[in-house]
Amino acid sequence: SGYFPKALGVLFMAAGLGYLFDATGQLFLPAYTTTPALIATIIAAAEIAFPVWLLVKGVNSSRWRERTLAVAPA
């Protein structure tokens, strides 16, 4: 959408897959008790990177207004 960096979007997609794998493991594998370190690291990186990015950089407000006006009814 252009509001956030593409790298952050890729990180969130990886974290989403991590959540999916973790939930699937907990649901279908009785011996699955802890989240593997790699999955937890990816999830944590996304969960920390996004609010830090918002605090430091924020949303591109000019692009936000531009898109809002583009979809507004005439």
PDB file of N, CA and C in Angstrom:
ATOM      1  N   SER A   1       0.816  -1.203   0.000  1.00  0.00           N
ATOM      2  CA  SER A   1       0.000   0.000   0.000  1.00  0.00           C
ATOM      3  C   SER A   1       0.854   1.260   0.000  1.00  0.00           C
ATOM      4  N   GLY A   2       2.079   1.150   0.418  1.00  0.00           N
ATOM      5  CA  GLY A   2       2.957   2.303   0.437  1.00  0.00           C
ATOM      6  C   GLY A   2       2.984   3.037   1.763  1.00  0.00           C
ATOM      7  N   TYR A   3       2.202   2.616   2.726  1.00  0.00           N
ATOM      8  CA  TYR A   3       2.201   3.283   4.029  1.00  0.00           C
ATOM      9  C   TYR A   3       3.406   2.873   4.870  1.00  0.00           C
ATOM     10  N   PHE A   4       3.846   1.643   4.715  1.00  0.00           N
ATOM     11  CA  PHE A   4       4.945   1.105   5.493  1.00  0.00           C
ATOM     12  C   PHE A   4       5.986   0.508   4.554  1.00  0.00           C
ATOM     13  N   PRO A   5       7.223   0.329   5.015  1.00  0.00           N
ATOM     14  CA  PRO A   5       8.262  -0.250   4.159  1.00  0.00           C
ATOM     15  C   PRO A   5       7.944  -1.700   3.775  1.00  0.00           C
ATOM     16  N   LYS A   6       8.377  -2.084   2.598  1.00  0.00           N
ATOM     17  CA  LYS A   6       8.145  -3.448   2.121  1.00  0.00           C
ATOM     18  C   LYS A   6       8.842  -4.472   3.014  1.00  0.00           C
ATOM     19  N   ALA A   7      10.003  -4.133   3.542  1.00  0.00           N
ATOM     20  CA  ALA A   7      10.729  -5.058   4.419  1.00  0.00           C
ATOM     21  C   ALA A   7       9.904  -5.394   5.655  1.00  0.00           C
ATOM     22  N   LEU A   8       9.189  -4.415   6.165  1.00  0.00           N
ATOM     23  CA  LEU A   8       8.328  -4.657   7.318  1.00  0.00           C
ATOM     24  C   LEU A   8       7.178  -5.588   6.936  1.00  0.00           C
ATOM     25  N   GLY A   9       6.655  -5.420   5.743  1.00  0.00           N
ATOM     26  CA  GLY A   9       5.595  -6.303   5.265  1.00  0.00           C
ATOM     27  C   GLY A   9       6.075  -7.736   5.117  1.00  0.00           C
ATOM     28  N   VAL A  10       7.281  -7.905   4.593  1.00  0.00           N
ATOM     29  CA  VAL A  10       7.852  -9.246   4.448  1.00  0.00           C
ATOM     30  C   VAL A  10       8.065  -9.867   5.822  1.00  0.00           C
ATOM     31  N   LEU A  11       8.538  -9.068   6.770  1.00  0.00           N
ATOM     32  CA  LEU A  11       8.742  -9.562   8.132  1.00  0.00           C
ATOM     33  C   LEU A  11       7.416  -9.996   8.746  1.00  0.00           C
ATOM     34  N   PHE A  12       6.352  -9.240   8.511  1.00  0.00           N
ATOM     35  CA  PHE A  12       5.040  -9.621   9.033  1.00  0.00           C
ATOM     36  C   PHE A  12       4.498 -10.879   8.366  1.00  0.00           C
ATOM     37  N   MET A  13       4.768 -11.053   7.082  1.00  0.00           N
ATOM     38  CA  MET A  13       4.341 -12.295   6.424  1.00  0.00           C
ATOM     39  C   MET A  13       5.071 -13.496   7.031  1.00  0.00           C
ATOM     40  N   ALA A  14       6.362 -13.334   7.294  1.00  0.00           N
ATOM     41  CA  ALA A  14       7.125 -14.415   7.920  1.00  0.00           C
ATOM     42  C   ALA A  14       6.608 -14.694   9.329  1.00  0.00           C
ATOM     43  N   ALA A  15       6.278 -13.638  10.069  1.00  0.00           N
ATOM     44  CA  ALA A  15       5.738 -13.819  11.416  1.00  0.00           C
ATOM     45  C   ALA A  15       4.375 -14.500  11.358  1.00  0.00           C
ATOM     46  N   GLY A  16       3.562 -14.144  10.375  1.00  0.00           N
ATOM     47  CA  GLY A  16       2.262 -14.791  10.217  1.00  0.00           C
ATOM     48  C   GLY A  16       2.407 -16.279   9.963  1.00  0.00           C
ATOM     49  N   LEU A  17       3.372 -16.646   9.117  1.00  0.00           N
ATOM     50  CA  LEU A  17       3.641 -18.071   8.899  1.00  0.00           C
ATOM     51  C   LEU A  17       4.129 -18.734  10.184  1.00  0.00           C
ATOM     52  N   GLY A  18       4.932 -18.009  10.945  1.00  0.00           N
ATOM     53  CA  GLY A  18       5.399 -18.536  12.226  1.00  0.00           C
ATOM     54  C   GLY A  18       4.247 -18.801  13.173  1.00  0.00           C
ATOM     55  N   TYR A  19       3.305 -17.855  13.262  1.00  0.00           N
ATOM     56  CA  TYR A  19       2.118 -18.059  14.094  1.00  0.00           C
ATOM     57  C   TYR A  19       1.316 -19.261  13.603  1.00  0.00           C
ATOM     58  N   LEU A  20       1.186 -19.391  12.284  1.00  0.00           N
ATOM     59  CA  LEU A  20       0.439 -20.502  11.703  1.00  0.00           C
ATOM     60  C   LEU A  20       1.098 -21.841  12.030  1.00  0.00           C
ATOM     61  N   PHE A  21       2.410 -21.945  11.831  1.00  0.00           N
ATOM     62  CA  PHE A  21       3.117 -23.184  12.140  1.00  0.00           C
ATOM     63  C   PHE A  21       3.045 -23.506  13.628  1.00  0.00           C
ATOM     64  N   ASP A  22       3.192 -22.490  14.457  1.00  0.00           N
ATOM     65  CA  ASP A  22       3.145 -22.699  15.901  1.00  0.00           C
ATOM     66  C   ASP A  22       1.767 -23.188  16.341  1.00  0.00           C
ATOM     67  N   ALA A  23       0.717 -22.542  15.865  1.00  0.00           N
ATOM     68  CA  ALA A  23      -0.641 -22.943  16.242  1.00  0.00           C
ATOM     69  C   ALA A  23      -0.969 -24.334  15.717  1.00  0.00           C
ATOM     70  N   THR A  24      -0.538 -24.636  14.495  1.00  0.00           N
ATOM     71  CA  THR A  24      -0.783 -25.962  13.925  1.00  0.00           C
ATOM     72  C   THR A  24      -0.057 -27.033  14.735  1.00  0.00           C
ATOM     73  N   GLY A  25       1.166 -26.752  15.122  1.00  0.00           N
ATOM     74  CA  GLY A  25       1.919 -27.701  15.940  1.00  0.00           C
ATOM     75  C   GLY A  25       1.256 -27.944  17.279  1.00  0.00           C
ATOM     76  N   GLN A  26       0.785 -26.892  17.919  1.00  0.00           N
ATOM     77  CA  GLN A  26       0.122 -27.047  19.209  1.00  0.00           C
ATOM     78  C   GLN A  26      -1.199 -27.790  19.086  1.00  0.00           C
ATOM     79  N   LEU A  27      -1.865 -27.630  17.972  1.00  0.00           N
ATOM     80  CA  LEU A  27      -3.161 -28.265  17.775  1.00  0.00           C
ATOM     81  C   LEU A  27      -3.035 -29.746  17.437  1.00  0.00           C
ATOM     82  N   PHE A  28      -2.087 -30.102  16.593  1.00  0.00           N
ATOM     83  CA  PHE A  28      -2.030 -31.464  16.074  1.00  0.00           C
ATOM     84  C   PHE A  28      -0.911 -32.341  16.635  1.00  0.00           C
ATOM     85  N   LEU A  29       0.057 -31.761  17.294  1.00  0.00           N
ATOM     86  CA  LEU A  29       1.170 -32.552  17.829  1.00  0.00           C
ATOM     87  C   LEU A  29       1.160 -32.498  19.352  1.00  0.00           C
ATOM     88  N   PRO A  30       0.767 -33.583  20.006  1.00  0.00           N
ATOM     89  CA  PRO A  30       0.657 -33.568  21.471  1.00  0.00           C
ATOM     90  C   PRO A  30       1.980 -33.268  22.183  1.00  0.00           C
ATOM     91  N   ALA A  31       3.101 -33.663  21.598  1.00  0.00           N
ATOM     92  CA  ALA A  31       4.395 -33.445  22.245  1.00  0.00           C
ATOM     93  C   ALA A  31       4.947 -32.041  22.000  1.00  0.00           C
ATOM     94  N   TYR A  32       4.251 -31.251  21.206  1.00  0.00           N
ATOM     95  CA  TYR A  32       4.703 -29.895  20.880  1.00  0.00           C
ATOM     96  C   TYR A  32       4.379 -28.993  22.060  1.00  0.00           C
ATOM     97  N   THR A  33       5.389 -28.611  22.812  1.00  0.00           N
ATOM     98  CA  THR A  33       5.130 -27.820  24.020  1.00  0.00           C
ATOM     99  C   THR A  33       5.698 -26.412  23.964  1.00  0.00           C
ATOM    100  N   THR A  34       6.787 -26.232  23.245  1.00  0.00           N
ATOM    101  CA  THR A  34       7.388 -24.898  23.183  1.00  0.00           C
ATOM    102  C   THR A  34       7.590 -24.473  21.734  1.00  0.00           C
ATOM    103  N   THR A  35       7.548 -23.192  21.520  1.00  0.00           N
ATOM    104  CA  THR A  35       7.774 -22.641  20.185  1.00  0.00           C
ATOM    105  C   THR A  35       9.263 -22.726  19.854  1.00  0.00           C
ATOM    106  N   PRO A  36       9.616 -23.276  18.688  1.00  0.00           N
ATOM    107  CA  PRO A  36      11.035 -23.319  18.304  1.00  0.00           C
ATOM    108  C   PRO A  36      11.647 -21.916  18.273  1.00  0.00           C
ATOM    109  N   ALA A  37      12.919 -21.845  18.584  1.00  0.00           N
ATOM    110  CA  ALA A  37      13.600 -20.552  18.714  1.00  0.00           C
ATOM    111  C   ALA A  37      13.553 -19.730  17.431  1.00  0.00           C
ATOM    112  N   LEU A  38      13.700 -20.357  16.279  1.00  0.00           N
ATOM    113  CA  LEU A  38      13.684 -19.610  15.019  1.00  0.00           C
ATOM    114  C   LEU A  38      12.324 -18.950  14.796  1.00  0.00           C
ATOM    115  N   ILE A  39      11.260 -19.695  15.029  1.00  0.00           N
ATOM    116  CA  ILE A  39       9.913 -19.135  14.852  1.00  0.00           C
ATOM    117  C   ILE A  39       9.681 -18.007  15.853  1.00  0.00           C
ATOM    118  N   ALA A  40      10.071 -18.225  17.100  1.00  0.00           N
ATOM    119  CA  ALA A  40       9.883 -17.199  18.130  1.00  0.00           C
ATOM    120  C   ALA A  40      10.684 -15.943  17.815  1.00  0.00           C
ATOM    121  N   THR A  41      11.871 -16.109  17.262  1.00  0.00           N
ATOM    122  CA  THR A  41      12.709 -14.960  16.917  1.00  0.00           C
ATOM    123  C   THR A  41      12.083 -14.136  15.801  1.00  0.00           C
ATOM    124  N   ILE A  42      11.563 -14.808  14.782  1.00  0.00           N
ATOM    125  CA  ILE A  42      10.926 -14.097  13.670  1.00  0.00           C
ATOM    126  C   ILE A  42       9.689 -13.344  14.158  1.00  0.00           C
ATOM    127  N   ILE A  43       8.880 -14.013  14.963  1.00  0.00           N
ATOM    128  CA  ILE A  43       7.671 -13.375  15.493  1.00  0.00           C
ATOM    129  C   ILE A  43       8.045 -12.170  16.358  1.00  0.00           C
ATOM    130  N   ALA A  44       9.018 -12.343  17.236  1.00  0.00           N
ATOM    131  CA  ALA A  44       9.432 -11.249  18.121  1.00  0.00           C
ATOM    132  C   ALA A  44      10.001 -10.079  17.329  1.00  0.00           C
ATOM    133  N   ALA A  45      10.763 -10.376  16.287  1.00  0.00           N
ATOM    134  CA  ALA A  45      11.336  -9.303  15.469  1.00  0.00           C
ATOM    135  C   ALA A  45      10.235  -8.461  14.838  1.00  0.00           C
ATOM    136  N   ALA A  46       9.204  -9.112  14.323  1.00  0.00           N
ATOM    137  CA  ALA A  46       8.093  -8.368  13.713  1.00  0.00           C
ATOM    138  C   ALA A  46       7.324  -7.576  14.762  1.00  0.00           C
ATOM    139  N   GLU A  47       7.067  -8.201  15.901  1.00  0.00           N
ATOM    140  CA  GLU A  47       6.291  -7.545  16.953  1.00  0.00           C
ATOM    141  C   GLU A  47       7.031  -6.342  17.542  1.00  0.00           C
ATOM    142  N   ILE A  48       8.339  -6.366  17.523  1.00  0.00           N
ATOM    143  CA  ILE A  48       9.129  -5.251  18.056  1.00  0.00           C
ATOM    144  C   ILE A  48       9.404  -4.204  16.979  1.00  0.00           C
ATOM    145  N   ALA A  49       9.673  -4.655  15.755  1.00  0.00           N
ATOM    146  CA  ALA A  49      10.046  -3.725  14.684  1.00  0.00           C
ATOM    147  C   ALA A  49       8.916  -2.769  14.319  1.00  0.00           C
ATOM    148  N   PHE A  50       7.692  -3.253  14.303  1.00  0.00           N
ATOM    149  CA  PHE A  50       6.582  -2.404  13.870  1.00  0.00           C
ATOM    150  C   PHE A  50       6.334  -1.218  14.805  1.00  0.00           C
ATOM    151  N   PRO A  51       6.168  -1.420  16.116  1.00  0.00           N
ATOM    152  CA  PRO A  51       5.967  -0.237  16.965  1.00  0.00           C
ATOM    153  C   PRO A  51       7.181   0.685  17.011  1.00  0.00           C
ATOM    154  N   VAL A  52       8.391   0.112  16.926  1.00  0.00           N
ATOM    155  CA  VAL A  52       9.588   0.957  16.899  1.00  0.00           C
ATOM    156  C   VAL A  52       9.574   1.811  15.638  1.00  0.00           C
ATOM    157  N   TRP A  53       9.238   1.201  14.506  1.00  0.00           N
ATOM    158  CA  TRP A  53       9.177   1.955  13.252  1.00  0.00           C
ATOM    159  C   TRP A  53       8.113   3.048  13.344  1.00  0.00           C
ATOM    160  N   LEU A  54       6.961   2.731  13.930  1.00  0.00           N
ATOM    161  CA  LEU A  54       5.911   3.747  14.075  1.00  0.00           C
ATOM    162  C   LEU A  54       6.369   4.906  14.957  1.00  0.00           C
ATOM    163  N   LEU A  55       7.077   4.595  16.036  1.00  0.00           N
ATOM    164  CA  LEU A  55       7.556   5.652  16.926  1.00  0.00           C
ATOM    165  C   LEU A  55       8.627   6.515  16.269  1.00  0.00           C
ATOM    166  N   VAL A  56       9.502   5.897  15.498  1.00  0.00           N
ATOM    167  CA  VAL A  56      10.608   6.630  14.893  1.00  0.00           C
ATOM    168  C   VAL A  56      10.182   7.343  13.617  1.00  0.00           C
ATOM    169  N   LYS A  57       9.527   6.645  12.739  1.00  0.00           N
ATOM    170  CA  LYS A  57       9.225   7.179  11.413  1.00  0.00           C
ATOM    171  C   LYS A  57       7.759   7.566  11.256  1.00  0.00           C
ATOM    172  N   GLY A  58       6.871   6.724  11.697  1.00  0.00           N
ATOM    173  CA  GLY A  58       5.441   6.995  11.555  1.00  0.00           C
ATOM    174  C   GLY A  58       4.925   6.665  10.171  1.00  0.00           C
ATOM    175  N   VAL A  59       3.653   6.922   9.963  1.00  0.00           N
ATOM    176  CA  VAL A  59       3.006   6.662   8.677  1.00  0.00           C
ATOM    177  C   VAL A  59       3.266   7.841   7.753  1.00  0.00           C
ATOM    178  N   ASN A  60       3.402   7.583   6.483  1.00  0.00           N
ATOM    179  CA  ASN A  60       3.584   8.630   5.480  1.00  0.00           C
ATOM    180  C   ASN A  60       2.244   9.355   5.326  1.00  0.00           C
ATOM    181  N   SER A  61       2.069  10.455   6.046  1.00  0.00           N
ATOM    182  CA  SER A  61       0.769  11.134   6.097  1.00  0.00           C
ATOM    183  C   SER A  61       0.366  11.748   4.763  1.00  0.00           C
ATOM    184  N   SER A  62       1.317  12.195   3.968  1.00  0.00           N
ATOM    185  CA  SER A  62       0.952  12.765   2.667  1.00  0.00           C
ATOM    186  C   SER A  62       0.396  11.680   1.748  1.00  0.00           C
ATOM    187  N   ARG A  63       0.989  10.517   1.767  1.00  0.00           N
ATOM    188  CA  ARG A  63       0.472   9.409   0.963  1.00  0.00           C
ATOM    189  C   ARG A  63      -0.891   8.956   1.498  1.00  0.00           C
ATOM    190  N   TRP A  64      -1.062   8.993   2.818  1.00  0.00           N
ATOM    191  CA  TRP A  64      -2.346   8.626   3.429  1.00  0.00           C
ATOM    192  C   TRP A  64      -3.453   9.554   2.919  1.00  0.00           C
ATOM    193  N   ARG A  65      -3.205  10.859   2.974  1.00  0.00           N
ATOM    194  CA  ARG A  65      -4.198  11.827   2.490  1.00  0.00           C
ATOM    195  C   ARG A  65      -4.467  11.645   0.996  1.00  0.00           C
ATOM    196  N   GLU A  66      -3.403  11.413   0.244  1.00  0.00           N
ATOM    197  CA  GLU A  66      -3.519  11.222  -1.201  1.00  0.00           C
ATOM    198  C   GLU A  66      -4.427  10.029  -1.530  1.00  0.00           C
ATOM    199  N   ARG A  67      -4.245   8.935  -0.849  1.00  0.00           N
ATOM    200  CA  ARG A  67      -5.076   7.750  -1.088  1.00  0.00           C
ATOM    201  C   ARG A  67      -6.500   7.961  -0.588  1.00  0.00           C
ATOM    202  N   THR A  68      -6.666   8.670   0.507  1.00  0.00           N
ATOM    203  CA  THR A  68      -8.005   8.944   1.024  1.00  0.00           C
ATOM    204  C   THR A  68      -8.795   9.778   0.030  1.00  0.00           C
ATOM    205  N   LEU A  69      -8.161  10.782  -0.535  1.00  0.00           N
ATOM    206  CA  LEU A  69      -8.843  11.619  -1.521  1.00  0.00           C
ATOM    207  C   LEU A  69      -9.137  10.854  -2.806  1.00  0.00           C
ATOM    208  N   ALA A  70      -8.277   9.906  -3.148  1.00  0.00           N
ATOM    209  CA  ALA A  70      -8.461   9.138  -4.382  1.00  0.00           C
ATOM    210  C   ALA A  70      -9.672   8.217  -4.309  1.00  0.00           C
ATOM    211  N   VAL A  71      -9.999   7.728  -3.118  1.00  0.00           N
ATOM    212  CA  VAL A  71     -11.129   6.801  -2.985  1.00  0.00           C
ATOM    213  C   VAL A  71     -12.393   7.485  -2.473  1.00  0.00           C
ATOM    214  N   ALA A  72     -12.295   8.759  -2.118  1.00  0.00           N
ATOM    215  CA  ALA A  72     -13.465   9.486  -1.613  1.00  0.00           C
ATOM    216  C   ALA A  72     -14.486   9.673  -2.739  1.00  0.00           C
ATOM    217  N   PRO A  73     -15.774   9.517  -2.410  1.00  0.00           N
ATOM    218  CA  PRO A  73     -16.801   9.731  -3.440  1.00  0.00           C
ATOM    219  C   PRO A  73     -16.826  11.190  -3.888  1.00  0.00           C
ATOM    220  N   ALA A  74     -17.090  11.396  -5.146  1.00  0.00           N
ATOM    221  CA  ALA A  74     -17.086  12.757  -5.709  1.00  0.00           C
ATOM    222  C   ALA A  74     -18.371  13.493  -5.420  1.00  0.00           C
TER     223      ALA A  74
END
